[in-house]
Structures are given as C-alpha cells and as structure tokens.
Protein backbone atom coordinates (compact mmCIF):
# COMPACT_ATOMS: atom_id res chain seq x y z
CA UNK A 1 59.62 34.09 75.85
CA UNK A 2 56.93 31.66 76.89
CA UNK A 3 56.46 30.19 80.34
CA UNK A 4 57.27 26.48 80.34
CA UNK A 5 54.70 25.92 83.04
CA UNK A 6 51.60 27.79 81.93
CA UNK A 7 52.58 28.89 78.43
CA UNK A 8 52.03 32.61 79.06
CA UNK A 9 54.12 35.04 77.05
CA UNK A 10 56.70 37.10 79.01
CA UNK A 11 59.46 39.57 78.24
CA UNK A 12 62.70 37.98 77.09
CA UNK A 13 64.63 39.24 80.17
CA UNK A 14 61.90 38.36 82.75
CA UNK A 15 63.05 36.24 85.66
CA UNK A 16 59.62 35.02 86.73
CA UNK A 17 56.35 34.40 84.82
CA UNK A 18 54.02 37.33 85.23
CA UNK A 19 51.12 34.87 85.12
CA UNK A 20 51.96 31.89 87.34
CA UNK A 21 55.23 33.14 88.95
CA UNK A 22 57.29 30.23 87.64
CA UNK A 23 61.08 30.72 87.50
CA UNK A 24 61.93 31.60 83.94
CA UNK A 25 65.65 31.46 84.51
CA UNK A 26 65.75 27.69 84.07
CA UNK A 27 66.92 26.44 80.68
CA UNK A 28 64.00 26.16 78.29
CA UNK A 29 62.92 22.71 77.33
CA UNK A 30 62.98 22.16 73.61
CA UNK A 31 59.91 20.16 72.62
CA UNK A 32 60.67 16.84 71.01
CA UNK A 33 59.08 16.62 67.57
CA UNK A 34 56.71 13.73 66.98
CA UNK A 35 57.78 11.71 64.02
CA UNK A 36 55.22 10.60 61.42
CA UNK A 37 56.39 7.01 61.95
CA UNK A 38 55.30 7.24 65.56
CA UNK A 39 51.86 8.35 64.37
CA UNK A 40 51.52 5.32 62.10
CA UNK A 41 52.29 7.30 58.88
CA UNK A 42 55.52 6.86 56.99
CA UNK A 43 56.91 10.05 55.63
CA UNK A 44 56.86 10.27 51.83
CA UNK A 45 59.54 12.35 50.24
CA UNK A 46 58.31 15.00 47.85
CA UNK A 47 60.11 13.39 44.94
CA UNK A 48 58.43 10.05 45.52
CA UNK A 49 55.06 11.78 45.68
CA UNK A 50 55.65 13.25 42.25
CA UNK A 51 56.71 9.86 40.88
CA UNK A 52 53.63 8.18 42.33
CA UNK A 53 51.29 10.71 40.68
CA UNK A 54 53.15 10.33 37.38
CA UNK A 55 53.08 6.54 37.41
CA UNK A 56 49.40 6.49 38.45
CA UNK A 57 48.48 8.76 35.59
CA UNK A 58 50.41 6.60 33.14
CA UNK A 59 48.60 3.45 34.36
CA UNK A 60 45.18 5.08 33.95
CA UNK A 61 46.08 6.26 30.44
CA UNK A 62 47.29 2.76 29.56
CA UNK A 63 44.02 1.19 30.73
CA UNK A 64 41.99 3.70 28.71
CA UNK A 65 44.06 2.97 25.60
CA UNK A 66 43.54 -0.79 26.07
CA UNK A 67 39.76 -0.33 26.35
CA UNK A 68 39.64 1.83 23.22
CA UNK A 69 41.74 -0.65 21.23
CA UNK A 70 39.54 -3.54 22.40
CA UNK A 71 36.35 -1.72 21.42
CA UNK A 72 37.76 -0.91 17.97
CA UNK A 73 38.86 -4.53 17.51
CA UNK A 74 35.43 -5.87 18.52
CA UNK A 75 33.72 -3.35 16.23
CA UNK A 76 35.89 -4.30 13.25
CA UNK A 77 35.55 -8.05 13.81
CA UNK A 78 31.83 -8.42 14.59
CA UNK A 79 29.43 -10.31 12.29
CA UNK A 80 28.37 -7.42 10.07
CA UNK A 81 25.81 -9.45 8.18
CA UNK A 82 23.99 -10.23 11.44
CA UNK A 83 24.35 -6.62 12.56
CA UNK A 84 22.86 -5.27 9.32
CA UNK A 85 19.99 -7.77 9.20
CA UNK A 86 19.14 -7.04 12.84
CA UNK A 87 19.25 -3.27 12.70
CA UNK A 88 18.09 -2.86 9.09
CA UNK A 89 15.49 -5.58 8.36
CA UNK A 90 16.30 -7.15 5.03
CA UNK A 91 19.61 -5.25 4.75
CA UNK A 92 23.00 -6.76 3.89
CA UNK A 93 26.59 -5.73 4.59
CA UNK A 94 28.65 -4.41 1.69
CA UNK A 95 32.36 -4.99 2.49
CA UNK A 96 33.42 -2.65 -0.32
CA UNK A 97 31.68 0.38 1.17
CA UNK A 98 31.62 -1.04 4.73
CA UNK A 99 27.99 -0.01 5.08
CA UNK A 100 24.64 -1.70 5.57
CA UNK A 101 22.75 -1.70 2.28
CA UNK A 102 18.95 -1.50 2.35
CA UNK A 103 17.11 -4.21 0.38
CA UNK A 104 16.03 -3.27 -3.10
CA UNK A 105 12.24 -3.16 -3.17
CA UNK A 106 10.60 -4.80 -6.19
CA UNK A 107 8.86 -2.41 -8.51
CA UNK A 108 5.15 -1.94 -7.95
CA UNK A 109 3.30 -3.95 -10.59
CA UNK A 110 1.25 -1.95 -13.00
CA UNK A 111 -2.49 -1.98 -12.48
CA UNK A 112 -4.45 -4.47 -14.53
CA UNK A 113 -5.43 -2.86 -17.76
CA UNK A 114 -9.11 -1.96 -17.90
CA UNK A 115 -11.04 -1.67 -21.09
CA UNK A 116 -11.84 -3.79 -24.11
CA UNK A 117 -8.33 -5.32 -24.16
CA UNK A 118 -8.59 -6.83 -20.65
CA UNK A 119 -9.98 -10.35 -20.63
CA UNK A 120 -13.24 -10.77 -18.67
CA UNK A 121 -13.30 -13.33 -15.86
CA UNK A 122 -16.87 -14.48 -16.66
CA UNK A 123 -18.28 -15.98 -19.82
CA UNK A 124 -21.65 -16.34 -21.48
CA UNK A 125 -23.84 -18.72 -19.50
CA UNK A 126 -22.21 -18.16 -16.08
CA UNK A 127 -24.50 -17.61 -13.10
CA UNK A 128 -22.77 -15.22 -10.68
CA UNK A 129 -23.53 -13.88 -7.21
CA UNK A 130 -21.91 -11.98 -4.33
CA UNK A 131 -21.55 -15.09 -2.12
CA UNK A 132 -20.26 -18.55 -2.92
CA UNK A 133 -22.50 -21.61 -2.58
CA UNK A 134 -25.51 -19.46 -3.40
CA UNK A 135 -28.76 -20.98 -2.05
CA UNK A 136 -30.90 -20.00 -5.04
CA UNK A 137 -30.29 -16.55 -6.48
CA UNK A 138 -27.96 -15.27 -9.15
CA UNK A 139 -27.39 -13.23 -12.26
CA UNK A 140 -26.93 -14.80 -15.71
CA UNK A 141 -24.19 -13.49 -18.02
CA UNK A 142 -25.94 -13.32 -21.41
CA UNK A 143 -23.03 -11.85 -23.35
CA UNK A 144 -19.88 -9.69 -23.15
CA UNK A 145 -19.29 -6.68 -25.42
CA UNK A 146 -15.52 -6.18 -25.84
CA UNK A 147 -15.88 -2.78 -27.52
CA UNK A 148 -17.98 -1.33 -24.72
CA UNK A 149 -16.31 -3.51 -22.07
CA UNK A 150 -19.60 -4.44 -20.45
CA UNK A 151 -21.74 -7.45 -19.66
CA UNK A 152 -25.39 -7.96 -20.53
CA UNK A 153 -27.02 -9.71 -17.56
CA UNK A 154 -30.41 -10.88 -16.40
CA UNK A 155 -31.53 -12.01 -12.97
CA UNK A 156 -32.09 -15.68 -12.19
CA UNK A 157 -33.54 -17.96 -9.52
CA UNK A 158 -32.90 -21.63 -8.86
CA UNK A 159 -35.53 -24.34 -8.78
CA UNK A 160 -35.75 -26.88 -6.04
CA UNK A 161 -34.12 -29.50 -8.29
CA UNK A 162 -31.14 -27.20 -9.00
CA UNK A 163 -32.14 -25.89 -12.45
CA UNK A 164 -32.12 -22.14 -13.10
CA UNK A 165 -34.99 -20.05 -14.47
CA UNK A 166 -35.65 -16.40 -15.30
CA UNK A 167 -36.55 -14.24 -12.31
CA UNK A 168 -40.25 -13.39 -12.61
CA UNK A 169 -40.10 -10.25 -10.46
CA UNK A 170 -41.11 -7.43 -12.84
CA UNK A 171 -38.34 -5.04 -11.77
CA UNK A 172 -35.69 -7.72 -12.46
CA UNK A 173 -37.10 -9.54 -15.48
CA UNK A 174 -35.36 -7.45 -18.16
CA UNK A 175 -31.82 -7.42 -19.50
CA UNK A 176 -29.26 -4.97 -18.12
CA UNK A 177 -25.93 -3.71 -19.46
CA UNK A 178 -23.34 -3.18 -16.73
CA UNK A 179 -19.64 -2.33 -16.95
CA UNK A 180 -17.32 -5.31 -16.65
CA UNK A 181 -15.37 -3.90 -13.69
CA UNK A 182 -18.58 -3.17 -11.77
CA UNK A 183 -20.06 -6.62 -12.31
CA UNK A 184 -16.82 -8.44 -11.41
CA UNK A 185 -16.37 -6.40 -8.23
CA UNK A 186 -19.99 -6.67 -7.00
CA UNK A 187 -20.68 -10.32 -7.95
CA UNK A 188 -17.28 -12.08 -7.87
CA UNK A 189 -18.47 -15.71 -7.50
CA UNK A 190 -19.68 -18.14 -10.13
CA UNK A 191 -22.51 -20.24 -8.62
CA UNK A 192 -23.93 -22.09 -11.62
CA UNK A 193 -24.45 -22.21 -15.38
CA UNK A 194 -27.42 -21.94 -17.74
CA UNK A 195 -28.09 -21.64 -21.45
CA UNK A 196 -28.98 -18.01 -22.25
CA UNK A 197 -30.68 -19.12 -25.48
CA UNK A 198 -32.92 -21.61 -23.66
CA UNK A 199 -33.56 -19.95 -20.32
CA UNK A 200 -36.84 -21.11 -18.71
CA UNK A 201 -39.31 -18.42 -17.67
CA UNK A 202 -40.72 -20.44 -14.79
CA UNK A 203 -39.42 -22.72 -12.11
CA UNK A 204 -39.21 -26.43 -12.76
CA UNK A 205 -41.88 -28.48 -11.01
CA UNK A 206 -39.49 -31.38 -10.58
CA UNK A 207 -39.24 -32.50 -6.95
CA UNK A 208 -36.01 -32.66 -4.97
CA UNK A 209 -35.01 -36.07 -3.64
CA UNK A 210 -32.83 -36.30 -0.52
CA UNK A 211 -31.33 -39.67 0.41
CA UNK A 212 -29.21 -40.99 3.23
CA UNK A 213 -28.43 -43.86 5.57
CA UNK A 214 -28.75 -43.19 9.27
CA UNK A 215 -28.93 -39.80 10.95
CA UNK A 216 -27.94 -36.89 8.73
CA UNK A 217 -28.39 -33.18 8.01
CA UNK A 218 -29.29 -32.16 4.45
CA UNK A 219 -29.42 -28.63 3.03
CA UNK A 220 -31.90 -27.54 0.37
CA UNK A 221 -33.25 -24.28 -1.01
CA UNK A 222 -36.77 -23.13 -1.80
CA UNK A 223 -37.05 -20.65 -4.70
CA UNK A 224 -40.63 -19.63 -3.90
CA UNK A 225 -42.86 -19.37 -0.86
CA UNK A 226 -45.67 -21.89 -0.59
CA UNK A 227 -46.70 -25.31 0.57
CA UNK A 228 -44.01 -27.95 0.04
CA UNK A 229 -44.92 -31.63 0.25
CA UNK A 230 -42.50 -33.96 2.05
CA UNK A 231 -42.84 -37.69 1.23
CA UNK A 232 -40.82 -40.14 3.32
CA UNK A 233 -39.66 -43.68 2.58
CA UNK A 234 -37.99 -45.57 5.40
CA UNK A 235 -37.79 -49.26 6.32
CA UNK A 236 -35.78 -49.21 9.53
CA UNK A 237 -36.90 -50.52 12.93
CA UNK A 238 -36.19 -47.47 15.12
CA UNK A 239 -37.53 -43.93 15.10
CA UNK A 240 -37.58 -41.95 11.88
CA UNK A 241 -37.81 -38.23 12.64
CA UNK A 242 -37.33 -35.37 10.17
CA UNK A 243 -37.26 -31.78 11.47
CA UNK A 244 -37.21 -28.95 8.93
CA UNK A 245 -35.11 -26.00 10.16
CA UNK A 246 -34.56 -22.57 8.65
CA UNK A 247 -31.21 -20.90 7.98
CA UNK A 248 -31.10 -19.64 11.57
CA UNK A 249 -31.55 -23.15 12.98
CA UNK A 250 -35.15 -22.74 14.16
CA UNK A 251 -37.58 -25.64 13.71
CA UNK A 252 -40.33 -24.69 11.26
CA UNK A 253 -42.03 -28.05 10.78
CA UNK A 254 -41.97 -31.80 11.40
CA UNK A 255 -41.88 -33.63 8.07
CA UNK A 256 -41.88 -37.16 9.56
CA UNK A 257 -42.18 -38.79 12.99
CA UNK A 258 -42.67 -42.54 13.04
CA UNK A 259 -41.39 -45.66 14.75
CA UNK A 260 -40.35 -48.22 12.16
CA UNK A 261 -41.27 -47.86 8.50
CA UNK A 262 -42.42 -44.55 7.01
CA UNK A 263 -44.28 -44.13 3.73
CA UNK A 264 -46.41 -40.99 3.94
CA UNK A 265 -46.55 -37.30 3.04
CA UNK A 266 -46.90 -34.03 4.90
CA UNK A 267 -47.16 -30.40 3.73
CA UNK A 268 -45.14 -27.62 5.34
CA UNK A 269 -45.35 -23.95 4.34
CA UNK A 270 -41.90 -22.53 3.62
CA UNK A 271 -40.57 -19.18 2.47
CA UNK A 272 -38.01 -18.59 -0.28
CA UNK A 273 -34.91 -19.40 1.76
CA UNK A 274 -32.31 -22.02 2.64
CA UNK A 275 -33.55 -24.89 4.83
CA UNK A 276 -32.14 -28.01 6.47
CA UNK A 277 -33.66 -31.47 6.92
CA UNK A 278 -32.42 -32.89 10.24
CA UNK A 279 -32.94 -36.64 10.00
CA UNK A 280 -32.82 -39.18 12.85
CA UNK A 281 -32.70 -42.78 11.56
CA UNK A 282 -30.73 -46.03 11.75
CA UNK A 283 -31.16 -47.22 8.16
CA UNK A 284 -31.53 -46.02 4.56
CA UNK A 285 -34.19 -43.45 3.81
CA UNK A 286 -35.51 -41.17 1.08
CA UNK A 287 -37.22 -37.79 1.46
CA UNK A 288 -38.92 -36.35 -1.64
CA UNK A 289 -39.71 -32.60 -1.54
CA UNK A 290 -42.28 -31.45 -4.07
CA UNK A 291 -42.57 -27.68 -4.69
CA UNK A 292 -45.91 -25.93 -4.84
CA UNK A 293 -47.61 -26.24 -8.24
C-alpha cells in the first residue's frame, strides 16, 4: 500500500509507514476524480467523435465537388471566340470540334516572272536614276530587247535649263546593254525624258531664270564646273540679297547685295552640283543664271 501522508510504498500489512511513521491503519482515502467539466472541457463520447469526423469529411468532400462543378461550368460557358483569339492570334473557335482553329494563311504569291515575257517598267526615252528628284544626272533608255530581256542605255546629264544631253565623259559616252532586272533594281526612279533619236551631244547654253516675290529659297543644278553669271532684276525699296549655297548649306558666293533696285551681274565659280539661291527681298524679282560658254 501507499502512505497517505508521504506517498511511500509499504507492505500491505504494515501498521506504520516505514518512511514517515504515519499510521497506516486508518482507512485509505479514495482520491476524488477530477471531471473534464471542472477543467473547462466537456467530455465527448467516442461515438460522437466518430460522427464528427465523418460529418467533417463529408462537408469537405461536398465543398470540393462544388468547386469542381463550378470550374467545369465556367470552362464550358466561357466566350470561346475571345479565348481562341487571345491565346491563338487570328484563331477562331470551331463548335463542331470544340477546338481553336488556326487561321488559314494565304498562299505565297509566285515570284514575278523574269524573262522576255515580263513587261519592263521603263520605256524608250525614259531618263532613270537611283534617287528621285535627280539634280542633273541620269541614264537614258534607248531601247528594250524583249528576246534578250535587256535595255540599251546611255549616260546623260542635265543642262541648267532642264534639257538633257549626252554625257561627254569618254568612259560613259557609249551605249551599254544591261539586263532588265539589273537596270530596274539599280536605277528604280524615272527622273526625266528625252528623245533618243535627237539626243544633244552638248549642254544647252540657255540660261536658267529664277523668279519670285519676296524672300524665297530656290534650288538649281549646275551640270558643269565653271563661272556662272548671275543677273538680278529687282525694283523693291528694301534690301535685295542673294546668297548662293551648296548642297551642304555652305555659302559659296554673294550673287546680289543692294538696297533698293538691282539690275547688275556677278560671276561665281560653281562645281557640278546642286545649289540654292537664298533670296531676301520684299517685292518681285528675277535672277537669271547663265552657264559658262
């Protein structure tokens, strides 16, 4: 038995505790069990515990089923056309197959046929060059041979008055036969016209006349290097100033600089290039540019 005073273990027939000497002959005190309700916890019968676990599991399963059904419903009822066009650019939804169909790409067009059966883009008399608005150079189409599919060309320059003449540079003065595809790829722009049967050998000596009213900027080209004569005619009351600038915008000469009327000439040496006449005036004016003789 155990001592009720100190808790030491003693023989069952002992009269006194061999540890503290307490009288063991008194009736033992049966400890009062502490109920779970007194500890703030209500006892749960084992059967109820099993029911709680079962019901909880059923609730979780029910929630999962609801989520799955909702996802399937949303998937089956979404805007499939929008879905396909968003995820497959250009695609459409096919309700028969329930799939997103890729757009059908148009067939690649066949390459333009080359050879004598393909129509040329240039014709006899066209002046062509590799840039548009050519300032004074080009290549004259003299003829097209359909059997050989080539052009016969000759090089050309432009006079100050806009007329074209045969290039006098020895290396470029003859006729050349070039394939059509090569010519059209290297010199794709038409910049003028001329008569191949009456093509001048030399530049025209005709002057170029620029006119305006008030301040202005005029472009002109010079086919040859040399001394160009600028003759002004102006009857206004304020300054009349004419600066000649090259294609880079640098001033290369002062063609006129007067107060009031202007009726005189000045020579300026220019190269074969594109130039600009920058005019300051408050009335009508005329500037005549005569090429070197």
